[in-house]
């Protein structure tokens, strides 16, 4: 699947979380005022993914205050997600997409450049979906460090 763009209807999903529940796009939108931030990351407990997750953790109150729910999605299995959540004290759901079906539908899985080689894998991606189910922002191939601060600026949370 190709990358999603602003104005497009976001593909729905339902995935299991490390907390033994399920998370869906519909559920995230129902529990938020403005929409949802869905971010896709390659592998729990790796340096870049830890930086990004901790940035979302530290920004969750301001994102929630601004009306956004947050979920992180990776291909990791439940034990790895649970360990990651516990160690980093993450305060938002982590969902597992081991078949990479949701990632593919959202354009977050495919060819990417890794250390000068073209490989197939998870593309670090963040998509913001509005209450109407349409995409507000879609950021692909983001850098882990500083990404959440840039996102908050683009959403008008930080001026």
N, C-alpha and C. Protein backbone atom coordinates (compact mmCIF):
# COMPACT_ATOMS: atom_id res chain seq x y z
N UNK A 1 0.86 -1.19 0.00
CA UNK A 1 0.00 0.00 0.00
C UNK A 1 0.88 1.23 0.00
N UNK A 2 0.41 2.27 -0.65
CA UNK A 2 1.18 3.50 -0.68
C UNK A 2 0.90 4.34 0.56
N UNK A 3 1.67 5.38 0.71
CA UNK A 3 1.52 6.26 1.86
C UNK A 3 0.17 6.94 1.86
N UNK A 4 -0.36 7.16 3.05
CA UNK A 4 -1.62 7.87 3.21
C UNK A 4 -1.37 9.37 3.18
N UNK A 5 -2.39 10.13 2.82
CA UNK A 5 -2.24 11.58 2.75
C UNK A 5 -3.39 12.27 3.47
N UNK A 6 -3.16 13.52 3.81
CA UNK A 6 -4.17 14.33 4.51
C UNK A 6 -5.47 14.35 3.69
N UNK A 7 -6.59 14.23 4.40
CA UNK A 7 -7.90 14.25 3.76
C UNK A 7 -8.45 12.87 3.42
N UNK A 8 -7.56 11.89 3.35
CA UNK A 8 -7.96 10.52 3.05
C UNK A 8 -8.65 9.90 4.27
N UNK A 9 -9.57 8.97 4.04
CA UNK A 9 -10.18 8.21 5.13
C UNK A 9 -9.16 7.20 5.62
N UNK A 10 -8.96 7.16 6.94
CA UNK A 10 -7.98 6.23 7.54
C UNK A 10 -8.55 4.82 7.55
N UNK A 11 -7.73 3.82 7.23
CA UNK A 11 -8.19 2.43 7.31
C UNK A 11 -8.48 2.05 8.76
N UNK A 12 -9.60 1.40 8.99
CA UNK A 12 -9.92 0.97 10.35
C UNK A 12 -9.03 -0.21 10.73
N UNK A 13 -8.86 -0.42 12.01
CA UNK A 13 -8.10 -1.57 12.50
C UNK A 13 -8.57 -1.92 13.90
N UNK A 14 -8.32 -3.16 14.26
CA UNK A 14 -8.49 -3.65 15.62
C UNK A 14 -7.31 -4.58 15.88
N UNK A 15 -6.55 -4.29 16.93
CA UNK A 15 -5.36 -5.08 17.25
C UNK A 15 -5.32 -5.38 18.75
N UNK A 16 -4.67 -6.50 19.11
CA UNK A 16 -4.50 -6.80 20.53
C UNK A 16 -3.41 -5.91 21.14
N UNK A 17 -3.56 -5.61 22.44
CA UNK A 17 -2.55 -4.83 23.14
C UNK A 17 -1.85 -5.70 24.18
N UNK A 18 -0.75 -5.18 24.67
CA UNK A 18 0.02 -5.90 25.69
C UNK A 18 -0.72 -6.01 27.01
N UNK A 19 -1.80 -5.27 27.16
CA UNK A 19 -2.56 -5.28 28.41
C UNK A 19 -3.74 -6.25 28.36
N UNK A 20 -3.78 -7.07 27.31
CA UNK A 20 -4.83 -8.08 27.20
C UNK A 20 -6.15 -7.55 26.67
N UNK A 21 -6.14 -6.35 26.14
CA UNK A 21 -7.35 -5.76 25.55
C UNK A 21 -7.13 -5.61 24.05
N UNK A 22 -8.09 -4.99 23.41
CA UNK A 22 -7.95 -4.66 21.99
C UNK A 22 -8.05 -3.15 21.84
N UNK A 23 -7.39 -2.64 20.84
CA UNK A 23 -7.49 -1.22 20.50
C UNK A 23 -7.93 -1.14 19.04
N UNK A 24 -8.83 -0.21 18.78
CA UNK A 24 -9.30 -0.01 17.40
C UNK A 24 -9.26 1.49 17.09
N UNK A 25 -9.19 1.79 15.82
CA UNK A 25 -9.24 3.20 15.43
C UNK A 25 -10.55 3.81 15.89
N UNK A 26 -11.64 3.08 15.69
CA UNK A 26 -12.96 3.59 16.09
C UNK A 26 -13.00 3.89 17.59
N UNK A 27 -12.46 2.99 18.40
CA UNK A 27 -12.43 3.19 19.85
C UNK A 27 -11.59 4.39 20.25
N UNK A 28 -10.44 4.55 19.61
CA UNK A 28 -9.58 5.70 19.91
C UNK A 28 -10.30 7.01 19.59
N UNK A 29 -11.00 7.03 18.45
CA UNK A 29 -11.70 8.25 18.05
C UNK A 29 -12.88 8.54 18.97
N UNK A 30 -13.54 7.50 19.44
CA UNK A 30 -14.66 7.69 20.36
C UNK A 30 -14.22 8.24 21.71
N UNK A 31 -13.02 7.87 22.17
CA UNK A 31 -12.55 8.30 23.49
C UNK A 31 -11.79 9.61 23.46
N UNK A 32 -11.65 10.23 22.30
CA UNK A 32 -10.89 11.48 22.21
C UNK A 32 -11.79 12.62 21.75
N UNK A 33 -11.33 13.83 22.01
CA UNK A 33 -12.08 15.02 21.58
C UNK A 33 -11.80 15.39 20.14
N UNK A 34 -10.52 15.32 19.74
CA UNK A 34 -10.13 15.77 18.40
C UNK A 34 -9.70 14.65 17.46
N UNK A 35 -9.15 13.56 18.02
CA UNK A 35 -8.68 12.50 17.14
C UNK A 35 -7.64 11.63 17.81
N UNK A 36 -6.87 10.93 16.97
CA UNK A 36 -5.91 9.96 17.48
C UNK A 36 -4.56 10.09 16.76
N UNK A 37 -3.51 9.84 17.54
CA UNK A 37 -2.15 9.78 17.00
C UNK A 37 -1.78 8.30 16.99
N UNK A 38 -1.55 7.77 15.79
CA UNK A 38 -1.15 6.38 15.64
C UNK A 38 0.29 6.41 15.14
N UNK A 39 1.18 5.79 15.93
CA UNK A 39 2.56 5.76 15.45
C UNK A 39 3.05 4.32 15.34
N UNK A 40 3.80 4.09 14.28
CA UNK A 40 4.33 2.77 13.96
C UNK A 40 5.83 2.79 14.18
N UNK A 41 6.34 1.78 14.87
CA UNK A 41 7.77 1.72 15.16
C UNK A 41 8.28 0.30 14.92
N UNK A 42 9.57 0.17 14.56
CA UNK A 42 10.10 -1.14 14.17
C UNK A 42 10.23 -2.19 15.27
N UNK A 43 10.81 -1.83 16.43
CA UNK A 43 11.08 -2.87 17.43
C UNK A 43 11.21 -2.29 18.83
N UNK A 44 10.41 -2.83 19.73
CA UNK A 44 10.44 -2.39 21.13
C UNK A 44 11.83 -2.57 21.73
N UNK A 45 12.17 -1.66 22.61
CA UNK A 45 13.41 -1.70 23.40
C UNK A 45 14.69 -1.45 22.61
N UNK A 46 14.57 -1.00 21.38
CA UNK A 46 15.76 -0.57 20.63
C UNK A 46 15.94 0.92 20.90
N UNK A 47 17.14 1.45 20.70
CA UNK A 47 17.40 2.85 21.09
C UNK A 47 16.44 3.87 20.47
N UNK A 48 16.25 3.84 19.17
CA UNK A 48 15.37 4.82 18.52
C UNK A 48 13.92 4.68 18.95
N UNK A 49 13.46 3.45 19.05
CA UNK A 49 12.06 3.22 19.44
C UNK A 49 11.84 3.59 20.89
N UNK A 50 12.84 3.40 21.73
CA UNK A 50 12.73 3.79 23.13
C UNK A 50 12.67 5.31 23.24
N UNK A 51 13.52 6.01 22.50
CA UNK A 51 13.49 7.48 22.49
C UNK A 51 12.12 7.99 22.09
N UNK A 52 11.59 7.46 21.00
CA UNK A 52 10.29 7.91 20.50
C UNK A 52 9.17 7.60 21.50
N UNK A 53 9.15 6.39 22.04
CA UNK A 53 8.10 6.00 22.99
C UNK A 53 8.15 6.87 24.25
N UNK A 54 9.35 7.14 24.74
CA UNK A 54 9.48 7.98 25.94
C UNK A 54 9.06 9.42 25.66
N UNK A 55 9.32 9.90 24.44
CA UNK A 55 8.85 11.24 24.07
C UNK A 55 7.32 11.28 24.06
N UNK A 56 6.68 10.24 23.52
CA UNK A 56 5.21 10.18 23.55
C UNK A 56 4.73 10.08 24.99
N UNK A 57 5.38 9.27 25.80
CA UNK A 57 5.02 9.14 27.22
C UNK A 57 5.08 10.50 27.91
N UNK A 58 6.18 11.22 27.71
CA UNK A 58 6.37 12.51 28.37
C UNK A 58 5.44 13.60 27.83
N UNK A 59 4.92 13.41 26.62
CA UNK A 59 4.02 14.39 26.01
C UNK A 59 2.56 13.99 26.08
N UNK A 60 2.28 12.84 26.67
CA UNK A 60 0.91 12.32 26.63
C UNK A 60 -0.10 13.28 27.27
N UNK A 61 0.23 13.87 28.41
CA UNK A 61 -0.71 14.77 29.06
C UNK A 61 -1.07 15.95 28.17
N UNK A 62 -0.08 16.54 27.50
CA UNK A 62 -0.40 17.68 26.63
C UNK A 62 -1.16 17.22 25.39
N UNK A 63 -0.85 16.04 24.86
CA UNK A 63 -1.61 15.52 23.71
C UNK A 63 -3.04 15.23 24.11
N UNK A 64 -3.23 14.62 25.28
CA UNK A 64 -4.59 14.34 25.77
C UNK A 64 -5.35 15.63 26.03
N UNK A 65 -4.68 16.60 26.65
CA UNK A 65 -5.32 17.90 26.92
C UNK A 65 -5.74 18.59 25.64
N UNK A 66 -4.98 18.36 24.58
CA UNK A 66 -5.31 18.94 23.27
C UNK A 66 -6.38 18.12 22.55
N UNK A 67 -6.78 16.97 23.14
CA UNK A 67 -7.87 16.18 22.57
C UNK A 67 -7.47 14.95 21.79
N UNK A 68 -6.21 14.48 21.91
CA UNK A 68 -5.74 13.34 21.13
C UNK A 68 -5.44 12.12 21.98
N UNK A 69 -5.85 10.96 21.49
CA UNK A 69 -5.46 9.67 22.07
C UNK A 69 -4.22 9.20 21.32
N UNK A 70 -3.41 8.34 21.94
CA UNK A 70 -2.16 7.86 21.33
C UNK A 70 -2.10 6.34 21.41
N UNK A 71 -1.61 5.70 20.36
CA UNK A 71 -1.30 4.26 20.38
C UNK A 71 -0.03 4.04 19.57
N UNK A 72 0.82 3.13 20.06
CA UNK A 72 2.01 2.71 19.33
C UNK A 72 1.79 1.31 18.79
N UNK A 73 2.19 1.08 17.53
CA UNK A 73 1.99 -0.21 16.89
C UNK A 73 3.32 -0.71 16.34
N UNK A 74 3.65 -1.98 16.65
CA UNK A 74 4.85 -2.61 16.13
C UNK A 74 4.54 -4.07 15.83
N UNK A 75 5.46 -4.76 15.16
CA UNK A 75 5.25 -6.19 14.90
C UNK A 75 5.64 -7.08 16.08
N UNK A 76 6.07 -6.48 17.19
CA UNK A 76 6.52 -7.25 18.34
C UNK A 76 5.42 -8.13 18.92
N UNK A 77 5.84 -9.22 19.54
CA UNK A 77 4.92 -10.12 20.24
C UNK A 77 4.61 -9.52 21.62
N UNK A 78 3.54 -10.00 22.24
CA UNK A 78 3.06 -9.45 23.51
C UNK A 78 4.11 -9.40 24.63
N UNK A 79 4.88 -10.46 24.87
CA UNK A 79 5.86 -10.38 25.96
C UNK A 79 6.86 -9.23 25.78
N UNK A 80 7.30 -9.00 24.55
CA UNK A 80 8.24 -7.90 24.29
C UNK A 80 7.58 -6.55 24.54
N UNK A 81 6.31 -6.41 24.15
CA UNK A 81 5.59 -5.16 24.38
C UNK A 81 5.37 -4.91 25.87
N UNK A 82 4.99 -5.96 26.60
CA UNK A 82 4.75 -5.82 28.04
C UNK A 82 6.04 -5.41 28.76
N UNK A 83 7.14 -6.03 28.39
CA UNK A 83 8.43 -5.70 29.01
C UNK A 83 8.82 -4.25 28.70
N UNK A 84 8.61 -3.84 27.46
CA UNK A 84 8.91 -2.48 27.01
C UNK A 84 8.08 -1.47 27.80
N UNK A 85 6.78 -1.72 27.92
CA UNK A 85 5.87 -0.83 28.64
C UNK A 85 6.32 -0.69 30.10
N UNK A 86 6.57 -1.83 30.72
CA UNK A 86 6.94 -1.82 32.13
C UNK A 86 8.26 -1.09 32.36
N UNK A 87 9.27 -1.43 31.58
CA UNK A 87 10.59 -0.84 31.78
C UNK A 87 10.58 0.68 31.54
N UNK A 88 9.84 1.12 30.53
CA UNK A 88 9.82 2.55 30.18
C UNK A 88 8.65 3.29 30.81
N UNK A 89 7.83 2.60 31.58
CA UNK A 89 6.67 3.19 32.25
C UNK A 89 5.77 3.93 31.25
N UNK A 90 5.47 3.26 30.16
CA UNK A 90 4.64 3.87 29.11
C UNK A 90 3.19 3.95 29.56
N UNK A 91 2.53 5.05 29.21
CA UNK A 91 1.19 5.36 29.69
C UNK A 91 0.14 5.41 28.58
N UNK A 92 0.39 4.68 27.51
CA UNK A 92 -0.55 4.59 26.40
C UNK A 92 -0.47 3.16 25.85
N UNK A 93 -1.48 2.71 25.10
CA UNK A 93 -1.48 1.33 24.62
C UNK A 93 -0.40 1.05 23.58
N UNK A 94 0.13 -0.17 23.64
CA UNK A 94 1.04 -0.69 22.62
C UNK A 94 0.31 -1.86 21.97
N UNK A 95 0.20 -1.82 20.65
CA UNK A 95 -0.53 -2.87 19.94
C UNK A 95 0.44 -3.70 19.10
N UNK A 96 0.07 -4.95 18.90
CA UNK A 96 0.90 -5.89 18.15
C UNK A 96 0.28 -6.18 16.79
N UNK A 97 1.10 -6.04 15.75
CA UNK A 97 0.69 -6.33 14.37
C UNK A 97 1.74 -7.25 13.74
N UNK A 98 1.86 -8.50 14.27
CA UNK A 98 2.93 -9.39 13.79
C UNK A 98 2.84 -9.76 12.32
N UNK A 99 1.64 -9.74 11.76
CA UNK A 99 1.48 -10.05 10.33
C UNK A 99 1.70 -8.82 9.46
N UNK A 100 1.83 -7.67 10.11
CA UNK A 100 2.10 -6.39 9.44
C UNK A 100 0.98 -5.98 8.47
N UNK A 101 -0.23 -6.46 8.73
CA UNK A 101 -1.37 -6.14 7.86
C UNK A 101 -1.80 -4.69 8.03
N UNK A 102 -1.92 -4.24 9.28
CA UNK A 102 -2.31 -2.85 9.53
C UNK A 102 -1.21 -1.92 9.05
N UNK A 103 0.04 -2.27 9.35
CA UNK A 103 1.17 -1.45 8.90
C UNK A 103 1.16 -1.30 7.39
N UNK A 104 0.91 -2.37 6.69
CA UNK A 104 0.88 -2.33 5.22
C UNK A 104 -0.26 -1.44 4.73
N UNK A 105 -1.44 -1.57 5.35
CA UNK A 105 -2.60 -0.76 4.95
C UNK A 105 -2.36 0.73 5.19
N UNK A 106 -1.53 1.05 6.18
CA UNK A 106 -1.25 2.44 6.52
C UNK A 106 0.02 2.95 5.85
N UNK A 107 0.66 2.13 5.01
CA UNK A 107 1.87 2.55 4.31
C UNK A 107 3.10 2.56 5.20
N UNK A 108 3.03 1.89 6.36
CA UNK A 108 4.14 1.90 7.31
C UNK A 108 5.00 0.63 7.24
N UNK A 109 4.80 -0.16 6.21
CA UNK A 109 5.63 -1.34 6.01
C UNK A 109 5.94 -1.44 4.53
N UNK A 110 7.21 -1.59 4.21
CA UNK A 110 7.60 -1.71 2.81
C UNK A 110 9.09 -1.47 2.66
N UNK A 111 9.48 -1.08 1.47
CA UNK A 111 10.90 -0.86 1.20
C UNK A 111 11.38 0.42 1.88
N UNK A 112 12.56 0.32 2.47
CA UNK A 112 13.18 1.48 3.10
C UNK A 112 14.69 1.34 2.98
N UNK A 113 15.36 2.46 3.14
CA UNK A 113 16.82 2.47 3.08
C UNK A 113 17.36 2.26 4.48
N UNK A 114 18.17 1.22 4.65
CA UNK A 114 18.78 0.93 5.95
C UNK A 114 20.29 0.81 5.76
N UNK A 115 20.98 1.84 6.24
CA UNK A 115 22.44 1.88 6.13
C UNK A 115 22.91 1.68 4.70
N UNK A 116 22.25 2.35 3.77
CA UNK A 116 22.65 2.33 2.37
C UNK A 116 22.12 1.15 1.57
N UNK A 117 21.35 0.27 2.21
CA UNK A 117 20.78 -0.89 1.50
C UNK A 117 19.26 -0.77 1.49
N UNK A 118 18.65 -1.20 0.41
CA UNK A 118 17.20 -1.22 0.31
C UNK A 118 16.70 -2.52 0.94
N UNK A 119 15.89 -2.40 1.99
CA UNK A 119 15.35 -3.58 2.69
C UNK A 119 13.85 -3.40 2.89
N UNK A 120 13.18 -4.49 3.19
CA UNK A 120 11.76 -4.43 3.50
C UNK A 120 11.62 -4.45 5.01
N UNK A 121 10.83 -3.51 5.55
CA UNK A 121 10.67 -3.45 6.99
C UNK A 121 9.67 -2.39 7.40
N UNK A 122 9.58 -2.18 8.71
CA UNK A 122 8.68 -1.17 9.27
C UNK A 122 9.27 0.21 9.03
N UNK A 123 8.46 1.09 8.50
CA UNK A 123 8.85 2.48 8.23
C UNK A 123 8.33 3.31 9.41
N UNK A 124 9.24 3.95 10.13
CA UNK A 124 8.83 4.76 11.29
C UNK A 124 7.87 5.84 10.78
N UNK A 125 6.62 5.76 11.26
CA UNK A 125 5.53 6.58 10.72
C UNK A 125 4.64 7.07 11.84
N UNK A 126 4.13 8.29 11.70
CA UNK A 126 3.11 8.80 12.61
C UNK A 126 1.98 9.39 11.78
N UNK A 127 0.75 8.98 12.11
CA UNK A 127 -0.43 9.47 11.40
C UNK A 127 -1.39 10.03 12.45
N UNK A 128 -1.91 11.22 12.19
CA UNK A 128 -2.91 11.83 13.06
C UNK A 128 -4.24 11.77 12.31
N UNK A 129 -5.24 11.19 12.99
CA UNK A 129 -6.56 11.01 12.39
C UNK A 129 -7.56 11.87 13.17
N UNK A 130 -8.37 12.63 12.45
CA UNK A 130 -9.39 13.47 13.07
C UNK A 130 -10.61 12.67 13.48
N UNK A 131 -11.49 13.30 14.27
CA UNK A 131 -12.72 12.66 14.75
C UNK A 131 -13.57 12.09 13.62
N UNK A 132 -13.48 12.70 12.45
CA UNK A 132 -14.27 12.25 11.30
C UNK A 132 -13.65 11.04 10.60
N UNK A 133 -12.51 10.55 11.12
CA UNK A 133 -11.85 9.39 10.52
C UNK A 133 -10.95 9.73 9.36
N UNK A 134 -10.79 11.03 9.10
CA UNK A 134 -9.91 11.46 7.99
C UNK A 134 -8.54 11.87 8.53
N UNK A 135 -7.55 11.64 7.71
CA UNK A 135 -6.18 11.93 8.11
C UNK A 135 -5.91 13.43 8.11
N UNK A 136 -5.35 13.88 9.23
CA UNK A 136 -4.95 15.28 9.38
C UNK A 136 -3.50 15.45 8.96
N UNK A 137 -2.65 14.56 9.44
CA UNK A 137 -1.21 14.56 9.13
C UNK A 137 -0.73 13.14 8.92
N UNK A 138 0.16 12.93 7.99
CA UNK A 138 0.81 11.63 7.80
C UNK A 138 2.29 11.89 7.59
N UNK A 139 3.11 11.41 8.53
CA UNK A 139 4.56 11.63 8.48
C UNK A 139 5.26 10.28 8.36
N UNK A 140 6.01 10.11 7.30
CA UNK A 140 6.72 8.86 7.04
C UNK A 140 8.23 9.08 7.15
N UNK A 141 8.91 8.02 7.53
CA UNK A 141 10.38 8.04 7.66
C UNK A 141 10.84 9.13 8.62
N UNK A 142 10.14 9.22 9.74
CA UNK A 142 10.47 10.25 10.73
C UNK A 142 11.68 9.83 11.55
N UNK A 143 12.38 10.80 12.07
CA UNK A 143 13.49 10.54 13.00
C UNK A 143 12.89 10.44 14.40
N UNK A 144 13.39 9.50 15.15
CA UNK A 144 12.86 9.27 16.50
C UNK A 144 13.09 10.48 17.39
N UNK A 145 14.27 11.02 17.36
CA UNK A 145 14.61 12.12 18.26
C UNK A 145 13.99 13.43 17.76
N UNK A 146 13.23 14.07 18.64
CA UNK A 146 12.62 15.35 18.32
C UNK A 146 11.32 15.28 17.53
N UNK A 147 10.93 14.07 17.16
CA UNK A 147 9.74 13.91 16.32
C UNK A 147 8.47 14.37 17.04
N UNK A 148 8.30 13.99 18.29
CA UNK A 148 7.08 14.33 19.02
C UNK A 148 6.97 15.85 19.21
N UNK A 149 8.09 16.52 19.46
CA UNK A 149 8.09 17.98 19.59
C UNK A 149 7.64 18.63 18.28
N UNK A 150 8.13 18.11 17.15
CA UNK A 150 7.72 18.65 15.84
C UNK A 150 6.24 18.40 15.61
N UNK A 151 5.78 17.23 15.99
CA UNK A 151 4.37 16.88 15.83
C UNK A 151 3.48 17.82 16.66
N UNK A 152 3.87 18.06 17.90
CA UNK A 152 3.10 18.96 18.76
C UNK A 152 3.02 20.35 18.16
N UNK A 153 4.10 20.80 17.56
CA UNK A 153 4.11 22.13 16.91
C UNK A 153 3.14 22.14 15.73
N UNK A 154 3.21 21.10 14.91
CA UNK A 154 2.34 21.03 13.73
C UNK A 154 0.86 20.95 14.10
N UNK A 155 0.57 20.35 15.25
CA UNK A 155 -0.82 20.25 15.71
C UNK A 155 -1.26 21.52 16.45
N UNK A 156 -0.35 22.47 16.63
CA UNK A 156 -0.68 23.72 17.29
C UNK A 156 -0.72 23.62 18.81
N UNK A 157 -0.16 22.55 19.35
CA UNK A 157 -0.14 22.36 20.80
C UNK A 157 0.94 23.26 21.41
N UNK A 158 2.09 23.30 20.75
CA UNK A 158 3.19 24.20 21.17
C UNK A 158 3.32 25.28 20.11
N UNK A 159 3.33 26.50 20.55
CA UNK A 159 3.45 27.61 19.59
C UNK A 159 4.87 28.07 19.41
